Structure formats: structure tokens, C-alpha cells
Amino acid sequence: MADSEERKRAYEELDAAVAKVAGLRDDDDDIAEFPETVTDWVVITGSQFFDDDGDRAGVVSVLPRHGSQPAFITAGLLQQALSHYSGNTGS
């Protein structure tokens, strides 16, 4: 298992990567007019593995900003993303 300093550094690097990717979107016409600052984020990962019987299994991991953020922020981000991809506008 990663030690706390390694985990902290990894989340700092992830935070910088998220900010960099979000900053690249500022070139889009509608976003350039209203530049944004990333204040919250959550990364969702999917992993697969084979168990001892050879059956495929999977795990979904939720990685909130800094490794921890208020649940209402993480849940709100996930809900907005789901609404976006399901064609709903959300609130």
C-alpha cells in the first residue's frame, strides 16, 4: 500500500493534470468568454481482473479531489455528469 506522502504527491500531480486539461478547453469559443477555475473534481476508474475461478470481475473506484472532499460535492459532480450523458440538463 502507498504511504501517505506518496499518496499526497500523487493527488497533487493528478490535481495539476486535471487543471491543465480543463485549461485546454479555454480555447473553445463558448468557454473562452467565461474562463473557469477548477474548484472540485472526481475521477472514476474502472478496473477488471480474473478471480481464482477464471471469472472476469470488475471494480469501480471513485477518486475525489485531494483524496477526500465533502460527499455532497462528489455526489453532485457525479449526478451532473450522469444527467449530462443521459440527455438531461440537471439543476
C-alpha atoms as a PDB file:
ATOM      1  CA  MET A   1       0.000   0.000   0.000  1.00  0.00           C
ATOM      2  CA  ALA A   2       1.233   3.511  -0.769  1.00  0.00           C
ATOM      3  CA  ASP A   3       2.461   5.618   2.100  1.00  0.00           C
ATOM      4  CA  SER A   4       0.724   8.892   2.910  1.00  0.00           C
ATOM      5  CA  GLU A   5       3.455  11.079   1.362  1.00  0.00           C
ATOM      6  CA  GLU A   6       3.378   9.101  -1.892  1.00  0.00           C
ATOM      7  CA  ARG A   7      -0.423   9.319  -1.982  1.00  0.00           C
ATOM      8  CA  LYS A   8      -0.307  13.074  -1.283  1.00  0.00           C
ATOM      9  CA  ARG A   9       2.186  13.629  -4.115  1.00  0.00           C
ATOM     10  CA  ALA A  10       0.112  11.502  -6.486  1.00  0.00           C
ATOM     11  CA  TYR A  11      -3.029  13.528  -5.745  1.00  0.00           C
ATOM     12  CA  GLU A  12      -1.086  16.783  -6.226  1.00  0.00           C
ATOM     13  CA  GLU A  13       0.062  15.538  -9.636  1.00  0.00           C
ATOM     14  CA  LEU A  14      -3.482  14.479 -10.514  1.00  0.00           C
ATOM     15  CA  ASP A  15      -4.788  17.895  -9.433  1.00  0.00           C
ATOM     16  CA  ALA A  16      -2.258  19.597 -11.722  1.00  0.00           C
ATOM     17  CA  ALA A  17      -3.204  17.299 -14.620  1.00  0.00           C
ATOM     18  CA  VAL A  18      -6.935  17.969 -14.170  1.00  0.00           C
ATOM     19  CA  ALA A  19      -6.302  21.739 -14.093  1.00  0.00           C
ATOM     20  CA  LYS A  20      -4.146  21.511 -17.209  1.00  0.00           C
ATOM     21  CA  VAL A  21      -6.728  19.531 -19.178  1.00  0.00           C
ATOM     22  CA  ALA A  22      -9.540  21.849 -18.053  1.00  0.00           C
ATOM     23  CA  GLY A  23      -7.418  24.850 -19.065  1.00  0.00           C
ATOM     24  CA  LEU A  24      -7.058  23.498 -22.586  1.00  0.00           C
ATOM     25  CA  ARG A  25     -10.808  23.822 -23.012  1.00  0.00           C
ATOM     26  CA  ASP A  26     -10.493  27.606 -22.642  1.00  0.00           C
ATOM     27  CA  ASP A  27      -9.804  27.730 -26.382  1.00  0.00           C
ATOM     28  CA  ASP A  28     -13.396  26.685 -27.086  1.00  0.00           C
ATOM     29  CA  ASP A  29     -15.482  29.674 -28.182  1.00  0.00           C
ATOM     30  CA  ASP A  30     -18.174  29.426 -25.522  1.00  0.00           C
ATOM     31  CA  ILE A  31     -15.724  28.748 -22.682  1.00  0.00           C
ATOM     32  CA  ALA A  32     -13.180  31.410 -23.665  1.00  0.00           C
ATOM     33  CA  GLU A  33     -15.752  34.118 -22.927  1.00  0.00           C
ATOM     34  CA  PHE A  34     -16.216  32.807 -19.377  1.00  0.00           C
ATOM     35  CA  PRO A  35     -12.917  31.237 -18.248  1.00  0.00           C
ATOM     36  CA  GLU A  36     -13.327  28.715 -15.483  1.00  0.00           C
ATOM     37  CA  THR A  37     -11.326  27.730 -12.436  1.00  0.00           C
ATOM     38  CA  VAL A  38     -11.476  24.112 -11.377  1.00  0.00           C
ATOM     39  CA  THR A  39     -12.579  24.018  -7.747  1.00  0.00           C
ATOM     40  CA  ASP A  40     -13.747  20.411  -7.418  1.00  0.00           C
ATOM     41  CA  TRP A  41     -13.253  17.186  -9.337  1.00  0.00           C
ATOM     42  CA  VAL A  42     -13.711  13.449  -9.136  1.00  0.00           C
ATOM     43  CA  VAL A  43     -12.066  10.779 -11.281  1.00  0.00           C
ATOM     44  CA  ILE A  44     -13.878   7.498 -11.870  1.00  0.00           C
ATOM     45  CA  THR A  45     -11.803   4.476 -12.851  1.00  0.00           C
ATOM     46  CA  GLY A  46     -12.859   1.030 -13.959  1.00  0.00           C
ATOM     47  CA  SER A  47     -10.613  -1.972 -13.447  1.00  0.00           C
ATOM     48  CA  GLN A  48     -11.028  -5.598 -14.433  1.00  0.00           C
ATOM     49  CA  PHE A  49      -9.426  -8.753 -13.123  1.00  0.00           C
ATOM     50  CA  PHE A  50      -9.916 -12.503 -13.168  1.00  0.00           C
ATOM     51  CA  ASP A  51     -10.758 -14.308  -9.938  1.00  0.00           C
ATOM     52  CA  ASP A  52      -9.431 -17.713  -8.883  1.00  0.00           C
ATOM     53  CA  ASP A  53     -12.140 -19.472 -10.925  1.00  0.00           C
ATOM     54  CA  GLY A  54     -11.174 -17.544 -14.073  1.00  0.00           C
ATOM     55  CA  ASP A  55     -14.309 -15.401 -13.973  1.00  0.00           C
ATOM     56  CA  ARG A  56     -13.972 -11.805 -15.023  1.00  0.00           C
ATOM     57  CA  ALA A  57     -14.804  -9.285 -12.328  1.00  0.00           C
ATOM     58  CA  GLY A  58     -14.550  -5.533 -12.064  1.00  0.00           C
ATOM     59  CA  VAL A  59     -14.195  -2.678  -9.670  1.00  0.00           C
ATOM     60  CA  VAL A  60     -15.180   0.966  -9.991  1.00  0.00           C
ATOM     61  CA  SER A  61     -13.086   3.373  -7.948  1.00  0.00           C
ATOM     62  CA  VAL A  62     -14.019   6.934  -7.025  1.00  0.00           C
ATOM     63  CA  LEU A  63     -11.054   9.284  -6.569  1.00  0.00           C
ATOM     64  CA  PRO A  64     -12.206  12.644  -5.141  1.00  0.00           C
ATOM     65  CA  ARG A  65     -10.005  15.724  -5.207  1.00  0.00           C
ATOM     66  CA  HIS A  66      -7.219  15.551  -2.605  1.00  0.00           C
ATOM     67  CA  GLY A  67      -8.364  12.002  -1.777  1.00  0.00           C
ATOM     68  CA  SER A  68     -11.264  13.367   0.222  1.00  0.00           C
ATOM     69  CA  GLN A  69     -13.878  16.049  -0.239  1.00  0.00           C
ATOM     70  CA  PRO A  70     -17.378  16.543   1.140  1.00  0.00           C
ATOM     71  CA  ALA A  71     -19.671  13.793  -0.121  1.00  0.00           C
ATOM     72  CA  PHE A  72     -22.237  16.325  -1.374  1.00  0.00           C
ATOM     73  CA  ILE A  73     -19.613  17.718  -3.761  1.00  0.00           C
ATOM     74  CA  THR A  74     -18.588  14.319  -5.112  1.00  0.00           C
ATOM     75  CA  ALA A  75     -22.215  13.168  -5.394  1.00  0.00           C
ATOM     76  CA  GLY A  76     -23.211  16.445  -7.059  1.00  0.00           C
ATOM     77  CA  LEU A  77     -20.454  16.148  -9.656  1.00  0.00           C
ATOM     78  CA  LEU A  78     -21.427  12.563 -10.406  1.00  0.00           C
ATOM     79  CA  GLN A  79     -25.125  13.475 -10.683  1.00  0.00           C
ATOM     80  CA  GLN A  80     -24.394  16.345 -13.062  1.00  0.00           C
ATOM     81  CA  ALA A  81     -22.196  14.101 -15.214  1.00  0.00           C
ATOM     82  CA  LEU A  82     -24.875  11.392 -15.337  1.00  0.00           C
ATOM     83  CA  SER A  83     -27.510  13.968 -16.240  1.00  0.00           C
ATOM     84  CA  HIS A  84     -25.288  15.353 -18.992  1.00  0.00           C
ATOM     85  CA  TYR A  85     -24.694  11.953 -20.546  1.00  0.00           C
ATOM     86  CA  SER A  86     -28.315  10.842 -20.223  1.00  0.00           C
ATOM     87  CA  GLY A  87     -29.534  13.937 -22.062  1.00  0.00           C
ATOM     88  CA  ASN A  88     -30.981  15.720 -19.040  1.00  0.00           C
ATOM     89  CA  THR A  89     -29.840  19.207 -18.119  1.00  0.00           C
ATOM     90  CA  GLY A  90     -29.755  18.641 -14.352  1.00  0.00           C
ATOM     91  CA  SER A  91     -30.194  21.520 -11.973  1.00  0.00           C
END
